[in-house]
Amino acid sequence: MLGSALLGVGAGVSVVVQQVLVASLRASLGSAPWAALISYVGGTLTMILVILLMQEPWILTTGVAKSSWPRWRAACSAPSTSFWRLS
């Protein structure tokens, strides 16, 4: 139970830290879209590295086909909200 609570707190803190870092990057670059893109690409590359290190199996197209479009749309649009908060 304590581990789950610490994991939740860590996740919340990481979101706040990421927003602060992206806001700082935006101020340095003078561009919210470029800061958001750099953050997105950095996060994507990090996640790919984590997946490779964990030796996760590749997803199958059959599994992707079973997922409904609204689930994909909701999952894909969530990260873009940070861009609008920076503008």
Protein backbone atom coordinates (compact mmCIF):
# COMPACT_ATOMS: atom_id res chain seq x y z
CA MET A 1 0.00 0.00 0.00
CA LEU A 2 2.80 2.40 0.88
CA GLY A 3 4.58 1.58 -2.39
CA SER A 4 1.47 2.49 -4.39
CA ALA A 5 1.11 5.76 -2.52
CA LEU A 6 4.75 6.65 -3.14
CA LEU A 7 4.37 5.75 -6.80
CA GLY A 8 1.34 8.04 -7.05
CA VAL A 9 3.15 10.91 -5.35
CA GLY A 10 6.18 10.38 -7.59
CA ALA A 11 3.99 10.46 -10.69
CA GLY A 12 2.35 13.69 -9.56
CA VAL A 13 5.67 15.32 -8.78
CA SER A 14 7.09 14.27 -12.15
CA VAL A 15 4.22 15.99 -13.98
CA VAL A 16 4.85 19.24 -12.09
CA VAL A 17 8.61 19.05 -12.65
CA GLN A 18 8.10 18.40 -16.36
CA GLN A 19 5.82 21.43 -16.67
CA VAL A 20 8.38 23.64 -14.92
CA LEU A 21 11.17 22.39 -17.17
CA VAL A 22 9.12 22.90 -20.33
CA ALA A 23 8.12 26.39 -19.19
CA SER A 24 11.78 27.18 -18.61
CA LEU A 25 12.66 25.81 -22.03
CA ARG A 26 9.89 27.92 -23.56
CA ALA A 27 11.32 31.03 -21.92
CA SER A 28 14.82 30.18 -23.19
CA LEU A 29 13.67 29.46 -26.73
CA GLY A 30 10.97 32.10 -26.87
CA SER A 31 8.66 29.57 -28.50
CA ALA A 32 6.02 27.38 -26.87
CA PRO A 33 5.60 25.09 -29.91
CA TRP A 34 9.35 24.34 -30.11
CA ALA A 35 9.56 23.73 -26.37
CA ALA A 36 6.60 21.35 -26.56
CA LEU A 37 8.12 19.51 -29.52
CA ILE A 38 11.48 19.09 -27.79
CA SER A 39 9.73 17.81 -24.66
CA TYR A 40 7.60 15.41 -26.66
CA VAL A 41 10.53 14.02 -28.67
CA GLY A 42 12.65 13.66 -25.52
CA GLY A 43 9.85 11.82 -23.73
CA THR A 44 9.24 9.57 -26.73
CA LEU A 45 12.91 8.61 -27.03
CA THR A 46 13.09 7.96 -23.29
CA MET A 47 10.02 5.73 -23.41
CA ILE A 48 11.44 3.77 -26.35
CA LEU A 49 14.64 3.23 -24.36
CA VAL A 50 12.67 2.06 -21.30
CA ILE A 51 10.64 -0.37 -23.42
CA LEU A 52 13.80 -1.77 -24.99
CA LEU A 53 15.55 -2.11 -21.61
CA MET A 54 12.50 -3.87 -20.13
CA GLN A 55 12.51 -6.22 -23.14
CA GLU A 56 8.81 -5.75 -23.68
CA PRO A 57 7.36 -7.78 -26.56
CA TRP A 58 6.29 -5.87 -29.66
CA ILE A 59 2.57 -5.13 -29.84
CA LEU A 60 0.66 -7.14 -32.38
CA THR A 61 -1.52 -5.60 -35.05
CA THR A 62 -4.35 -7.86 -33.89
CA GLY A 63 -4.23 -6.22 -30.47
CA VAL A 64 -4.19 -2.78 -32.00
CA ALA A 65 -7.14 -3.70 -34.23
CA LYS A 66 -9.16 -4.77 -31.16
CA SER A 67 -8.83 -1.32 -29.60
CA SER A 68 -11.59 1.16 -30.31
CA TRP A 69 -10.88 4.48 -32.02
CA PRO A 70 -12.04 6.61 -29.05
CA ARG A 71 -9.40 4.96 -26.85
CA TRP A 72 -6.65 5.78 -29.34
CA ARG A 73 -7.90 9.33 -29.78
CA ALA A 74 -8.02 9.98 -26.03
CA ALA A 75 -4.56 8.49 -25.48
CA CYS A 76 -3.01 10.42 -28.36
CA SER A 77 -4.52 13.79 -27.52
CA ALA A 78 -3.63 13.84 -23.81
CA PRO A 79 0.02 14.97 -24.15
CA SER A 80 -0.88 17.90 -26.40
CA THR A 81 -2.65 19.69 -23.56
CA SER A 82 0.71 20.78 -22.07
CA PHE A 83 1.38 22.91 -25.16
CA TRP A 84 -1.73 25.03 -24.59
CA ARG A 85 -0.88 25.62 -20.94
CA LEU A 86 2.48 27.08 -21.98
CA SER A 87 1.12 29.56 -24.50
